[in-house]
Protein backbone atom coordinates (compact mmCIF):
# COMPACT_ATOMS: atom_id res chain seq x y z
CA MET A 1 -8.32 -13.16 4.95
CA THR A 2 -7.37 -14.68 8.02
CA PHE A 3 -4.32 -14.25 10.19
CA PRO A 4 -2.20 -17.23 9.31
CA GLU A 5 -3.34 -16.58 5.52
CA CYS A 6 -1.66 -12.73 6.46
CA VAL A 7 1.26 -14.99 8.01
CA SER A 8 1.68 -16.84 4.79
CA TYR A 9 1.31 -13.99 2.35
CA CYS A 10 3.81 -11.92 4.47
CA ALA A 11 6.32 -15.04 4.55
CA LYS A 12 6.05 -15.40 0.18
CA ASN A 13 7.53 -12.16 -0.07
CA GLN A 14 11.42 -12.61 -0.44
CA GLU A 15 12.15 -8.88 0.03
CA LEU A 16 10.19 -8.66 3.26
CA VAL A 17 11.70 -11.68 5.16
CA SER A 18 15.02 -10.58 3.99
CA ASN A 19 14.86 -7.24 5.60
CA PHE A 20 13.31 -8.65 8.52
CA ASP A 21 16.51 -10.94 8.92
CA ARG A 22 19.21 -8.20 8.41
CA LEU A 23 17.35 -5.98 10.77
CA GLN A 24 16.31 -8.45 13.61
CA GLY A 25 19.20 -10.94 13.18
CA ARG A 26 17.04 -14.01 12.02
CA ASN A 27 17.47 -16.18 9.79
CA LEU A 28 13.90 -17.05 8.49
CA SER A 29 15.55 -16.92 5.09
CA ARG A 30 17.22 -20.52 5.75
CA LYS A 31 21.04 -19.08 4.48
CA GLY A 32 23.77 -20.82 5.38
CA SER A 33 25.05 -24.54 4.97
CA PRO A 34 23.05 -27.87 5.63
CA ILE A 35 25.00 -28.27 8.98
CA GLU A 36 24.14 -24.69 10.30
CA LEU A 37 20.33 -25.81 9.41
CA MET A 38 20.58 -28.67 10.73
CA ILE A 39 21.53 -26.83 14.20
CA ASP A 40 19.39 -23.90 13.53
CA ASP A 41 16.08 -26.99 13.49
CA SER A 42 17.59 -29.43 16.25
CA THR A 43 18.43 -26.14 18.98
CA GLY A 44 14.76 -24.56 17.97
CA ARG A 45 16.37 -20.83 16.71
CA PHE A 46 13.83 -21.62 13.48
CA GLU A 47 10.44 -22.27 15.64
CA ALA A 48 12.28 -18.62 17.60
CA ASP A 49 12.61 -16.83 14.12
CA MET A 50 9.20 -18.26 12.90
CA LYS A 51 7.65 -16.77 16.05
CA ALA A 52 9.72 -13.61 15.82
CA PHE A 53 8.12 -13.28 12.36
CA SER A 54 4.61 -13.93 13.44
CA GLU A 55 4.71 -11.38 16.08
CA PHE A 56 6.10 -8.65 13.89
CA VAL A 57 3.35 -9.25 10.87
CA TYR A 58 0.36 -9.13 13.62
CA GLU A 59 2.44 -5.75 14.88
CA MET A 60 3.43 -3.95 11.68
CA VAL A 61 0.68 -5.39 8.65
CA TRP A 62 -2.38 -7.44 10.81
CA THR A 63 -3.22 -4.28 13.18
CA ARG A 64 -3.01 -1.87 10.27
CA LEU A 65 -5.26 -3.61 7.90
CA PRO A 66 -8.85 -1.54 7.52
CA LEU A 67 -11.73 -3.55 9.02
CA ALA A 68 -13.61 -5.80 6.10
CA GLN A 69 -16.97 -3.69 5.50
CA ASN A 70 -19.84 -6.44 4.60
């Protein structure tokens, strides 16, 4: 598994994303009215939230995975 695959796998876990949003004050779940989501997109909030989620996955998931044995 590569790191991008790990992030994608974690992003598909709705409970993980929901709790990440709640604890970090983010909106990766894309909840809100269409105008609020458009504002998030135009201000770069979604990209910032995705970067924060990737950093979270790296620290809390990726670095804790056991090394693959050949």
